[in-house]
């Protein structure tokens, strides 16, 4: 909170100079601080400022990142439908840009959103899609987690959805992956 006046002054100078990159960096920084402090309305406000600059500059990557961030923020405030709208906007842009890593991360975020909304059917579908995308891209991690966490979350979603067999199946896959990692680290 004590740093906000300095950020406000910096943003004022950035606006005066027309330095859009500085402004987007500053808005992201304020978003991070506000998010850490649990100030979701401030997060929305500065994401709104960030997306205005991103659109003005034609920075579609930044725009997609803002939509992803807005989706996450809506998820934390239990605005699950709005979160999904933002995630879908991010997905559309990431698809147009051909950024598979960010597409996978956004689908994962959609799974988390559905899980938090207790929509376990859609959560399992999004987690399955996340695993599929990781597999076809020959990856076993996202920026936010590794495949083990996805296996554990999908098992939990299947459990809540009442599918015991699928729950056990994903818990076994999780154990196998973790055994592989431990064995690999021992070599």
N, C-alpha and C. Protein backbone atom coordinates (compact mmCIF):
# COMPACT_ATOMS: atom_id res chain seq x y z
N UNK A 1 0.82 -1.20 0.00
CA UNK A 1 0.00 0.00 0.00
C UNK A 1 0.86 1.26 0.00
N UNK A 2 1.98 1.22 0.73
CA UNK A 2 2.81 2.41 0.82
C UNK A 2 3.50 2.75 -0.50
N UNK A 3 3.64 1.75 -1.39
CA UNK A 3 4.30 1.97 -2.67
C UNK A 3 3.35 2.49 -3.75
N UNK A 4 2.05 2.41 -3.52
CA UNK A 4 1.09 2.80 -4.56
C UNK A 4 1.24 4.26 -5.02
N UNK A 5 1.52 5.22 -4.13
CA UNK A 5 1.71 6.59 -4.63
C UNK A 5 2.88 6.70 -5.62
N UNK A 6 3.94 5.91 -5.38
CA UNK A 6 5.08 5.93 -6.30
C UNK A 6 4.69 5.33 -7.66
N UNK A 7 3.91 4.26 -7.63
CA UNK A 7 3.44 3.67 -8.87
C UNK A 7 2.54 4.65 -9.60
N UNK A 8 1.68 5.34 -8.86
CA UNK A 8 0.78 6.32 -9.47
C UNK A 8 1.58 7.42 -10.16
N UNK A 9 2.64 7.89 -9.51
CA UNK A 9 3.48 8.93 -10.10
C UNK A 9 4.19 8.39 -11.34
N UNK A 10 4.69 7.17 -11.25
CA UNK A 10 5.35 6.57 -12.40
C UNK A 10 4.41 6.40 -13.57
N UNK A 11 3.19 5.97 -13.29
CA UNK A 11 2.18 5.81 -14.35
C UNK A 11 1.85 7.16 -14.97
N UNK A 12 1.75 8.19 -14.12
CA UNK A 12 1.49 9.54 -14.62
C UNK A 12 2.59 10.00 -15.58
N UNK A 13 3.83 9.75 -15.22
CA UNK A 13 4.97 10.12 -16.08
C UNK A 13 4.94 9.29 -17.37
N UNK A 14 4.67 7.98 -17.23
CA UNK A 14 4.57 7.12 -18.42
C UNK A 14 3.50 7.58 -19.38
N UNK A 15 2.37 7.99 -18.85
CA UNK A 15 1.28 8.51 -19.69
C UNK A 15 1.70 9.81 -20.37
N UNK A 16 2.39 10.69 -19.61
CA UNK A 16 2.84 11.96 -20.14
C UNK A 16 3.82 11.75 -21.30
N UNK A 17 4.68 10.77 -21.16
CA UNK A 17 5.68 10.49 -22.19
C UNK A 17 5.14 9.61 -23.32
N UNK A 18 3.96 9.01 -23.10
CA UNK A 18 3.40 8.11 -24.11
C UNK A 18 4.18 6.81 -24.22
N UNK A 19 4.79 6.37 -23.14
CA UNK A 19 5.60 5.15 -23.13
C UNK A 19 4.71 3.96 -22.80
N UNK A 20 4.14 3.37 -23.85
CA UNK A 20 3.16 2.30 -23.67
C UNK A 20 3.75 1.05 -23.04
N UNK A 21 4.98 0.69 -23.40
CA UNK A 21 5.59 -0.50 -22.81
C UNK A 21 5.78 -0.31 -21.31
N UNK A 22 6.23 0.86 -20.93
CA UNK A 22 6.38 1.16 -19.50
C UNK A 22 5.04 1.06 -18.79
N UNK A 23 3.99 1.61 -19.42
CA UNK A 23 2.66 1.58 -18.81
C UNK A 23 2.18 0.14 -18.61
N UNK A 24 2.35 -0.69 -19.63
CA UNK A 24 1.90 -2.09 -19.50
C UNK A 24 2.69 -2.80 -18.40
N UNK A 25 3.99 -2.54 -18.33
CA UNK A 25 4.81 -3.14 -17.26
C UNK A 25 4.34 -2.65 -15.89
N UNK A 26 4.06 -1.36 -15.79
CA UNK A 26 3.62 -0.78 -14.52
C UNK A 26 2.26 -1.35 -14.11
N UNK A 27 1.34 -1.45 -15.07
CA UNK A 27 0.02 -1.99 -14.75
C UNK A 27 0.12 -3.44 -14.28
N UNK A 28 0.97 -4.23 -14.95
CA UNK A 28 1.17 -5.62 -14.52
C UNK A 28 1.74 -5.69 -13.10
N UNK A 29 2.65 -4.79 -12.79
CA UNK A 29 3.25 -4.77 -11.45
C UNK A 29 2.19 -4.43 -10.40
N UNK A 30 1.37 -3.42 -10.69
CA UNK A 30 0.31 -3.04 -9.75
C UNK A 30 -0.69 -4.19 -9.61
N UNK A 31 -1.00 -4.87 -10.71
CA UNK A 31 -1.90 -6.02 -10.66
C UNK A 31 -1.34 -7.09 -9.74
N UNK A 32 -0.04 -7.37 -9.87
CA UNK A 32 0.59 -8.39 -9.03
C UNK A 32 0.50 -7.99 -7.55
N UNK A 33 0.81 -6.75 -7.24
CA UNK A 33 0.76 -6.28 -5.85
C UNK A 33 -0.67 -6.32 -5.31
N UNK A 34 -1.62 -5.86 -6.12
CA UNK A 34 -3.02 -5.85 -5.69
C UNK A 34 -3.54 -7.26 -5.51
N UNK A 35 -3.16 -8.16 -6.42
CA UNK A 35 -3.58 -9.55 -6.32
C UNK A 35 -3.03 -10.18 -5.05
N UNK A 36 -1.77 -9.93 -4.78
CA UNK A 36 -1.13 -10.47 -3.58
C UNK A 36 -1.83 -9.96 -2.32
N UNK A 37 -2.33 -8.74 -2.38
CA UNK A 37 -3.03 -8.13 -1.23
C UNK A 37 -4.51 -8.47 -1.19
N UNK A 38 -5.00 -9.24 -2.17
CA UNK A 38 -6.40 -9.63 -2.20
C UNK A 38 -7.35 -8.53 -2.64
N UNK A 39 -6.85 -7.56 -3.37
CA UNK A 39 -7.67 -6.42 -3.81
C UNK A 39 -8.14 -6.66 -5.25
N UNK A 40 -9.14 -7.50 -5.38
CA UNK A 40 -9.58 -7.94 -6.70
C UNK A 40 -10.16 -6.80 -7.55
N UNK A 41 -10.79 -5.83 -6.94
CA UNK A 41 -11.34 -4.70 -7.71
C UNK A 41 -10.22 -3.86 -8.31
N UNK A 42 -9.15 -3.69 -7.56
CA UNK A 42 -7.98 -2.97 -8.07
C UNK A 42 -7.33 -3.77 -9.19
N UNK A 43 -7.30 -5.09 -9.04
CA UNK A 43 -6.77 -5.96 -10.10
C UNK A 43 -7.56 -5.74 -11.38
N UNK A 44 -8.89 -5.77 -11.29
CA UNK A 44 -9.73 -5.56 -12.48
C UNK A 44 -9.47 -4.19 -13.10
N UNK A 45 -9.38 -3.18 -12.26
CA UNK A 45 -9.18 -1.82 -12.75
C UNK A 45 -7.89 -1.71 -13.55
N UNK A 46 -6.79 -2.21 -13.00
CA UNK A 46 -5.50 -2.06 -13.68
C UNK A 46 -5.36 -3.03 -14.86
N UNK A 47 -6.01 -4.17 -14.81
CA UNK A 47 -6.05 -5.01 -16.00
C UNK A 47 -6.81 -4.28 -17.11
N UNK A 48 -7.87 -3.57 -16.73
CA UNK A 48 -8.62 -2.77 -17.70
C UNK A 48 -7.75 -1.71 -18.35
N UNK A 49 -6.92 -1.04 -17.55
CA UNK A 49 -5.98 -0.04 -18.07
C UNK A 49 -4.96 -0.70 -18.99
N UNK A 50 -4.45 -1.86 -18.56
CA UNK A 50 -3.44 -2.59 -19.33
C UNK A 50 -4.00 -3.00 -20.69
N UNK A 51 -5.21 -3.52 -20.69
CA UNK A 51 -5.77 -4.00 -21.96
C UNK A 51 -6.06 -2.85 -22.93
N UNK A 52 -6.39 -1.68 -22.39
CA UNK A 52 -6.59 -0.50 -23.25
C UNK A 52 -5.30 -0.16 -24.00
N UNK A 53 -4.19 -0.17 -23.27
CA UNK A 53 -2.90 0.14 -23.88
C UNK A 53 -2.51 -0.96 -24.87
N UNK A 54 -2.71 -2.21 -24.47
CA UNK A 54 -2.37 -3.34 -25.35
C UNK A 54 -3.14 -3.27 -26.67
N UNK A 55 -4.42 -2.96 -26.60
CA UNK A 55 -5.22 -2.84 -27.81
C UNK A 55 -4.76 -1.66 -28.66
N UNK A 56 -4.46 -0.55 -28.00
CA UNK A 56 -4.01 0.64 -28.74
C UNK A 56 -2.71 0.36 -29.48
N UNK A 57 -1.83 -0.43 -28.86
CA UNK A 57 -0.53 -0.76 -29.46
C UNK A 57 -0.60 -1.94 -30.43
N UNK A 58 -1.72 -2.65 -30.40
CA UNK A 58 -1.82 -3.86 -31.22
C UNK A 58 -1.02 -5.01 -30.65
N UNK A 59 -0.78 -5.00 -29.34
CA UNK A 59 -0.02 -6.07 -28.67
C UNK A 59 -1.00 -7.17 -28.27
N UNK A 60 -1.27 -8.07 -29.21
CA UNK A 60 -2.27 -9.10 -28.96
C UNK A 60 -1.81 -10.11 -27.91
N UNK A 61 -0.50 -10.34 -27.80
CA UNK A 61 -0.01 -11.25 -26.77
C UNK A 61 -0.34 -10.68 -25.38
N UNK A 62 -0.05 -9.41 -25.19
CA UNK A 62 -0.35 -8.77 -23.90
C UNK A 62 -1.85 -8.81 -23.63
N UNK A 63 -2.63 -8.58 -24.68
CA UNK A 63 -4.09 -8.63 -24.54
C UNK A 63 -4.55 -10.00 -24.06
N UNK A 64 -4.00 -11.04 -24.66
CA UNK A 64 -4.36 -12.41 -24.26
C UNK A 64 -3.93 -12.69 -22.83
N UNK A 65 -2.75 -12.21 -22.45
CA UNK A 65 -2.28 -12.41 -21.08
C UNK A 65 -3.20 -11.71 -20.09
N UNK A 66 -3.69 -10.54 -20.46
CA UNK A 66 -4.62 -9.82 -19.59
C UNK A 66 -5.92 -10.60 -19.45
N UNK A 67 -6.44 -11.12 -20.57
CA UNK A 67 -7.67 -11.92 -20.49
C UNK A 67 -7.46 -13.13 -19.59
N UNK A 68 -6.30 -13.76 -19.69
CA UNK A 68 -6.00 -14.91 -18.83
C UNK A 68 -5.96 -14.47 -17.36
N UNK A 69 -5.32 -13.35 -17.11
CA UNK A 69 -5.25 -12.82 -15.75
C UNK A 69 -6.61 -12.42 -15.21
N UNK A 70 -7.42 -11.80 -16.05
CA UNK A 70 -8.78 -11.44 -15.65
C UNK A 70 -9.59 -12.69 -15.33
N UNK A 71 -9.40 -13.72 -16.14
CA UNK A 71 -10.08 -14.99 -15.89
C UNK A 71 -9.70 -15.56 -14.54
N UNK A 72 -8.41 -15.54 -14.25
CA UNK A 72 -7.94 -16.05 -12.97
C UNK A 72 -8.51 -15.22 -11.82
N UNK A 73 -8.51 -13.89 -11.99
CA UNK A 73 -9.05 -13.01 -10.95
C UNK A 73 -10.54 -13.28 -10.73
N UNK A 74 -11.28 -13.45 -11.81
CA UNK A 74 -12.72 -13.76 -11.69
C UNK A 74 -12.93 -15.10 -10.99
N UNK A 75 -12.05 -16.03 -11.26
CA UNK A 75 -12.12 -17.34 -10.61
C UNK A 75 -11.97 -17.20 -9.10
N UNK A 76 -11.05 -16.33 -8.67
CA UNK A 76 -10.82 -16.15 -7.23
C UNK A 76 -11.97 -15.41 -6.55
N UNK A 77 -12.76 -14.67 -7.33
CA UNK A 77 -13.91 -13.95 -6.76
C UNK A 77 -15.22 -14.68 -7.03
N UNK A 78 -15.11 -15.94 -7.45
CA UNK A 78 -16.25 -16.81 -7.70
C UNK A 78 -17.17 -16.32 -8.82
N UNK A 79 -16.60 -15.61 -9.78
CA UNK A 79 -17.32 -15.19 -10.99
C UNK A 79 -16.93 -16.15 -12.11
N UNK A 80 -17.39 -17.39 -11.97
CA UNK A 80 -16.91 -18.47 -12.83
C UNK A 80 -17.30 -18.31 -14.30
N UNK A 81 -18.49 -17.83 -14.58
CA UNK A 81 -18.90 -17.64 -15.98
C UNK A 81 -18.08 -16.53 -16.64
N UNK A 82 -17.87 -15.45 -15.91
CA UNK A 82 -17.06 -14.35 -16.42
C UNK A 82 -15.61 -14.81 -16.62
N UNK A 83 -15.13 -15.63 -15.70
CA UNK A 83 -13.78 -16.19 -15.83
C UNK A 83 -13.67 -16.97 -17.14
N UNK A 84 -14.67 -17.81 -17.41
CA UNK A 84 -14.64 -18.60 -18.64
C UNK A 84 -14.67 -17.72 -19.89
N UNK A 85 -15.45 -16.64 -19.84
CA UNK A 85 -15.48 -15.72 -20.98
C UNK A 85 -14.09 -15.15 -21.24
N UNK A 86 -13.41 -14.76 -20.17
CA UNK A 86 -12.06 -14.22 -20.33
C UNK A 86 -11.09 -15.27 -20.82
N UNK A 87 -11.18 -16.48 -20.28
CA UNK A 87 -10.30 -17.55 -20.74
C UNK A 87 -10.54 -17.86 -22.22
N UNK A 88 -11.79 -17.84 -22.65
CA UNK A 88 -12.10 -18.08 -24.07
C UNK A 88 -11.51 -17.00 -24.97
N UNK A 89 -11.54 -15.75 -24.50
CA UNK A 89 -10.92 -14.65 -25.26
C UNK A 89 -9.42 -14.89 -25.38
N UNK A 90 -8.79 -15.28 -24.27
CA UNK A 90 -7.35 -15.56 -24.28
C UNK A 90 -7.04 -16.71 -25.23
N UNK A 91 -7.84 -17.78 -25.15
CA UNK A 91 -7.63 -18.94 -26.02
C UNK A 91 -7.70 -18.56 -27.49
N UNK A 92 -8.67 -17.76 -27.83
CA UNK A 92 -8.84 -17.34 -29.23
C UNK A 92 -7.57 -16.62 -29.73
N UNK A 93 -7.06 -15.72 -28.92
CA UNK A 93 -5.87 -14.96 -29.33
C UNK A 93 -4.63 -15.85 -29.36
N UNK A 94 -4.44 -16.66 -28.32
CA UNK A 94 -3.28 -17.56 -28.31
C UNK A 94 -3.31 -18.52 -29.51
N UNK A 95 -4.52 -18.97 -29.88
CA UNK A 95 -4.66 -19.84 -31.05
C UNK A 95 -4.24 -19.09 -32.32
N UNK A 96 -4.72 -17.85 -32.45
CA UNK A 96 -4.34 -17.04 -33.62
C UNK A 96 -2.84 -16.81 -33.69
N UNK A 97 -2.20 -16.69 -32.52
CA UNK A 97 -0.75 -16.46 -32.46
C UNK A 97 0.04 -17.77 -32.55
N UNK A 98 -0.66 -18.90 -32.44
CA UNK A 98 0.01 -20.20 -32.52
C UNK A 98 0.88 -20.51 -31.31
N UNK A 99 0.47 -20.06 -30.14
CA UNK A 99 1.26 -20.24 -28.92
C UNK A 99 0.72 -21.41 -28.09
N UNK A 100 1.18 -22.61 -28.43
CA UNK A 100 0.64 -23.82 -27.81
C UNK A 100 0.83 -23.85 -26.29
N UNK A 101 1.98 -23.40 -25.80
CA UNK A 101 2.21 -23.43 -24.35
C UNK A 101 1.15 -22.60 -23.61
N UNK A 102 0.80 -21.47 -24.16
CA UNK A 102 -0.18 -20.60 -23.52
C UNK A 102 -1.60 -21.13 -23.70
N UNK A 103 -1.84 -21.81 -24.80
CA UNK A 103 -3.14 -22.46 -25.00
C UNK A 103 -3.33 -23.52 -23.92
N UNK A 104 -2.31 -24.34 -23.72
CA UNK A 104 -2.39 -25.41 -22.72
C UNK A 104 -2.62 -24.81 -21.33
N UNK A 105 -1.88 -23.77 -21.00
CA UNK A 105 -2.02 -23.14 -19.69
C UNK A 105 -3.43 -22.57 -19.50
N UNK A 106 -3.99 -22.00 -20.56
CA UNK A 106 -5.34 -21.44 -20.46
C UNK A 106 -6.38 -22.53 -20.28
N UNK A 107 -6.23 -23.64 -20.99
CA UNK A 107 -7.15 -24.77 -20.81
C UNK A 107 -7.04 -25.30 -19.38
N UNK A 108 -5.84 -25.37 -18.86
CA UNK A 108 -5.63 -25.77 -17.46
C UNK A 108 -6.37 -24.80 -16.52
N UNK A 109 -6.24 -23.50 -16.79
CA UNK A 109 -6.95 -22.50 -15.98
C UNK A 109 -8.46 -22.71 -16.04
N UNK A 110 -8.95 -23.09 -17.20
CA UNK A 110 -10.38 -23.36 -17.36
C UNK A 110 -10.79 -24.58 -16.53
N UNK A 111 -9.90 -25.56 -16.46
CA UNK A 111 -10.17 -26.74 -15.63
C UNK A 111 -10.24 -26.36 -14.15
N UNK A 112 -9.29 -25.53 -13.72
CA UNK A 112 -9.29 -25.07 -12.33
C UNK A 112 -10.56 -24.27 -12.05
N UNK A 113 -10.96 -23.42 -12.98
CA UNK A 113 -12.17 -22.62 -12.82
C UNK A 113 -13.40 -23.53 -12.66
N UNK A 114 -13.52 -24.52 -13.53
CA UNK A 114 -14.65 -25.46 -13.45
C UNK A 114 -14.61 -26.23 -12.14
N UNK A 115 -13.42 -26.64 -11.72
CA UNK A 115 -13.27 -27.37 -10.46
C UNK A 115 -13.73 -26.50 -9.29
N UNK A 116 -13.30 -25.26 -9.27
CA UNK A 116 -13.69 -24.35 -8.18
C UNK A 116 -15.19 -24.08 -8.17
N UNK A 117 -15.80 -24.15 -9.35
CA UNK A 117 -17.25 -23.95 -9.46
C UNK A 117 -18.01 -25.23 -9.14
N UNK A 118 -17.29 -26.29 -8.75
CA UNK A 118 -17.86 -27.61 -8.47
C UNK A 118 -18.52 -28.22 -9.69
N UNK A 119 -18.07 -27.82 -10.86
CA UNK A 119 -18.54 -28.38 -12.13
C UNK A 119 -17.53 -29.44 -12.54
N UNK A 120 -17.59 -30.58 -11.86
CA UNK A 120 -16.56 -31.61 -12.01
C UNK A 120 -16.59 -32.27 -13.38
N UNK A 121 -17.74 -32.32 -14.01
CA UNK A 121 -17.83 -32.90 -15.35
C UNK A 121 -16.97 -32.08 -16.33
N UNK A 122 -17.17 -30.76 -16.34
CA UNK A 122 -16.36 -29.91 -17.22
C UNK A 122 -14.91 -29.86 -16.76
N UNK A 123 -14.69 -29.90 -15.46
CA UNK A 123 -13.31 -29.89 -14.96
C UNK A 123 -12.55 -31.09 -15.52
N UNK A 124 -13.16 -32.28 -15.47
CA UNK A 124 -12.48 -33.48 -15.98
C UNK A 124 -12.22 -33.34 -17.48
N UNK A 125 -13.18 -32.77 -18.20
CA UNK A 125 -12.99 -32.59 -19.65
C UNK A 125 -11.84 -31.63 -19.94
N UNK A 126 -11.77 -30.53 -19.21
CA UNK A 126 -10.66 -29.58 -19.41
C UNK A 126 -9.33 -30.16 -18.98
N UNK A 127 -9.31 -30.92 -17.88
CA UNK A 127 -8.07 -31.57 -17.46
C UNK A 127 -7.63 -32.60 -18.50
N UNK A 128 -8.61 -33.37 -19.03
CA UNK A 128 -8.30 -34.34 -20.09
C UNK A 128 -7.72 -33.63 -21.31
N UNK A 129 -8.29 -32.50 -21.66
CA UNK A 129 -7.81 -31.72 -22.81
C UNK A 129 -6.40 -31.20 -22.52
N UNK A 130 -6.16 -30.78 -21.29
CA UNK A 130 -4.82 -30.32 -20.91
C UNK A 130 -3.81 -31.44 -21.09
N UNK A 131 -4.15 -32.64 -20.60
CA UNK A 131 -3.25 -33.78 -20.74
C UNK A 131 -3.02 -34.14 -22.20
N UNK A 132 -4.08 -34.09 -22.99
CA UNK A 132 -3.96 -34.38 -24.42
C UNK A 132 -3.01 -33.39 -25.09
N UNK A 133 -3.19 -32.11 -24.79
CA UNK A 133 -2.34 -31.07 -25.39
C UNK A 133 -0.89 -31.20 -24.93
N UNK A 134 -0.70 -31.52 -23.67
CA UNK A 134 0.66 -31.76 -23.19
C UNK A 134 1.29 -32.93 -23.94
N UNK A 135 0.52 -33.99 -24.12
CA UNK A 135 1.01 -35.19 -24.80
C UNK A 135 1.40 -34.90 -26.25
N UNK A 136 0.51 -34.26 -27.00
CA UNK A 136 0.83 -34.03 -28.42
C UNK A 136 1.95 -33.02 -28.60
N UNK A 137 2.18 -32.19 -27.59
CA UNK A 137 3.28 -31.24 -27.64
C UNK A 137 4.54 -31.78 -26.96
N UNK A 138 4.47 -33.06 -26.53
CA UNK A 138 5.60 -33.75 -25.91
C UNK A 138 6.17 -32.97 -24.72
N UNK A 139 5.26 -32.58 -23.85
CA UNK A 139 5.64 -31.84 -22.65
C UNK A 139 5.12 -32.58 -21.42
N UNK A 140 5.78 -32.37 -20.30
CA UNK A 140 5.25 -32.93 -19.06
C UNK A 140 5.13 -31.85 -17.98
N UNK A 141 5.10 -30.59 -18.43
CA UNK A 141 4.88 -29.52 -17.46
C UNK A 141 4.34 -28.27 -18.16
N UNK A 142 3.73 -27.44 -17.34
CA UNK A 142 3.28 -26.10 -17.72
C UNK A 142 4.15 -25.12 -16.94
N UNK A 143 4.00 -23.84 -17.22
CA UNK A 143 4.73 -22.85 -16.41
C UNK A 143 4.27 -22.90 -14.96
N UNK A 144 3.01 -23.28 -14.74
CA UNK A 144 2.42 -23.23 -13.40
C UNK A 144 2.47 -24.54 -12.63
N UNK A 145 2.71 -25.65 -13.30
CA UNK A 145 2.76 -26.94 -12.62
C UNK A 145 3.28 -28.02 -13.55
N UNK A 146 3.56 -29.19 -12.97
CA UNK A 146 3.94 -30.31 -13.83
C UNK A 146 2.75 -31.26 -13.99
N UNK A 147 2.96 -32.26 -14.80
CA UNK A 147 1.87 -33.18 -15.15
C UNK A 147 1.36 -33.96 -13.92
N UNK A 148 2.22 -34.14 -12.93
CA UNK A 148 1.81 -34.84 -11.72
C UNK A 148 0.64 -34.13 -11.04
N UNK A 149 0.73 -32.82 -10.97
CA UNK A 149 -0.36 -32.05 -10.36
C UNK A 149 -1.65 -32.19 -11.18
N UNK A 150 -1.52 -32.20 -12.50
CA UNK A 150 -2.70 -32.37 -13.36
C UNK A 150 -3.31 -33.75 -13.12
N UNK A 151 -2.47 -34.79 -13.03
CA UNK A 151 -2.99 -36.14 -12.73
C UNK A 151 -3.74 -36.14 -11.40
N UNK A 152 -3.16 -35.52 -10.38
CA UNK A 152 -3.80 -35.49 -9.07
C UNK A 152 -5.12 -34.72 -9.09
N UNK A 153 -5.14 -33.59 -9.78
CA UNK A 153 -6.37 -32.80 -9.85
C UNK A 153 -7.47 -33.50 -10.65
N UNK A 154 -7.09 -34.15 -11.74
CA UNK A 154 -8.11 -34.85 -12.52
C UNK A 154 -8.64 -36.04 -11.72
N UNK A 155 -7.78 -36.70 -10.95
CA UNK A 155 -8.24 -37.80 -10.09
C UNK A 155 -9.26 -37.27 -9.09
N UNK A 156 -8.96 -36.13 -8.49
CA UNK A 156 -9.87 -35.54 -7.52
C UNK A 156 -11.19 -35.11 -8.17
N UNK A 157 -11.11 -34.56 -9.38
CA UNK A 157 -12.33 -34.17 -10.10
C UNK A 157 -13.17 -35.40 -10.43
N UNK A 158 -12.52 -36.46 -10.89
CA UNK A 158 -13.26 -37.70 -11.17
C UNK A 158 -13.87 -38.27 -9.89
N UNK A 159 -13.15 -38.18 -8.78
CA UNK A 159 -13.68 -38.65 -7.51
C UNK A 159 -14.96 -37.88 -7.15
N UNK A 160 -14.92 -36.56 -7.26
CA UNK A 160 -16.10 -35.74 -6.97
C UNK A 160 -17.23 -36.01 -7.96
N UNK A 161 -16.86 -36.41 -9.14
CA UNK A 161 -17.85 -36.72 -10.19
C UNK A 161 -18.39 -38.15 -10.04
N UNK A 162 -17.81 -38.92 -9.10
CA UNK A 162 -18.31 -40.26 -8.81
C UNK A 162 -17.73 -41.38 -9.66
N UNK A 163 -16.62 -41.12 -10.33
CA UNK A 163 -16.00 -42.13 -11.19
C UNK A 163 -14.78 -42.73 -10.49
N UNK A 164 -15.02 -43.82 -9.76
CA UNK A 164 -13.97 -44.45 -8.96
C UNK A 164 -12.87 -45.03 -9.85
N UNK A 165 -13.24 -45.68 -10.94
CA UNK A 165 -12.24 -46.30 -11.81
C UNK A 165 -11.29 -45.24 -12.38
N UNK A 166 -11.84 -44.16 -12.90
CA UNK A 166 -11.01 -43.10 -13.46
C UNK A 166 -10.14 -42.46 -12.38
N UNK A 167 -10.69 -42.32 -11.18
CA UNK A 167 -9.92 -41.78 -10.06
C UNK A 167 -8.69 -42.63 -9.82
N UNK A 168 -8.89 -43.94 -9.69
CA UNK A 168 -7.76 -44.86 -9.45
C UNK A 168 -6.77 -44.83 -10.60
N UNK A 169 -7.30 -44.80 -11.81
CA UNK A 169 -6.46 -44.78 -13.00
C UNK A 169 -5.50 -43.58 -12.98
N UNK A 170 -6.02 -42.40 -12.69
CA UNK A 170 -5.17 -41.20 -12.68
C UNK A 170 -4.25 -41.15 -11.47
N UNK A 171 -4.68 -41.71 -10.35
CA UNK A 171 -3.77 -41.78 -9.21
C UNK A 171 -2.60 -42.72 -9.52
N UNK A 172 -2.88 -43.81 -10.25
CA UNK A 172 -1.81 -44.73 -10.66
C UNK A 172 -0.86 -44.04 -11.64
N UNK A 173 -1.41 -43.29 -12.60
CA UNK A 173 -0.56 -42.55 -13.55
C UNK A 173 0.31 -41.54 -12.81
N UNK A 174 -0.28 -40.89 -11.81
CA UNK A 174 0.47 -39.92 -11.02
C UNK A 174 1.62 -40.62 -10.30
N UNK A 175 1.34 -41.74 -9.66
CA UNK A 175 2.37 -42.50 -8.95
C UNK A 175 3.47 -42.95 -9.91
N UNK A 176 3.08 -43.43 -11.10
CA UNK A 176 4.07 -43.87 -12.09
C UNK A 176 4.96 -42.71 -12.53
N UNK A 177 4.36 -41.56 -12.76
CA UNK A 177 5.14 -40.40 -13.19
C UNK A 177 6.11 -39.99 -12.08
N UNK A 178 5.62 -39.94 -10.85
CA UNK A 178 6.49 -39.55 -9.73
C UNK A 178 7.61 -40.57 -9.53
N UNK A 179 7.31 -41.86 -9.68
CA UNK A 179 8.35 -42.89 -9.59
C UNK A 179 9.41 -42.66 -10.67
N UNK A 180 8.96 -42.33 -11.88
CA UNK A 180 9.87 -42.07 -13.00
C UNK A 180 10.79 -40.89 -12.66
N UNK A 181 10.21 -39.83 -12.11
CA UNK A 181 11.00 -38.64 -11.76
C UNK A 181 12.00 -38.96 -10.67
N UNK A 182 11.58 -39.69 -9.65
CA UNK A 182 12.47 -40.04 -8.54
C UNK A 182 13.60 -40.94 -9.06
N UNK A 183 13.23 -41.95 -9.86
CA UNK A 183 14.25 -42.85 -10.42
C UNK A 183 15.21 -42.09 -11.33
N UNK A 184 14.70 -41.16 -12.11
CA UNK A 184 15.52 -40.37 -13.01
C UNK A 184 16.49 -39.49 -12.22
N UNK A 185 16.02 -38.93 -11.11
CA UNK A 185 16.87 -38.09 -10.27
C UNK A 185 17.98 -38.90 -9.58
N UNK A 186 17.72 -40.18 -9.33
CA UNK A 186 18.70 -41.04 -8.67
C UNK A 186 19.84 -41.44 -9.61
N UNK A 187 19.60 -41.32 -10.91
CA UNK A 187 20.64 -41.75 -11.88
C UNK A 187 21.76 -40.76 -11.98
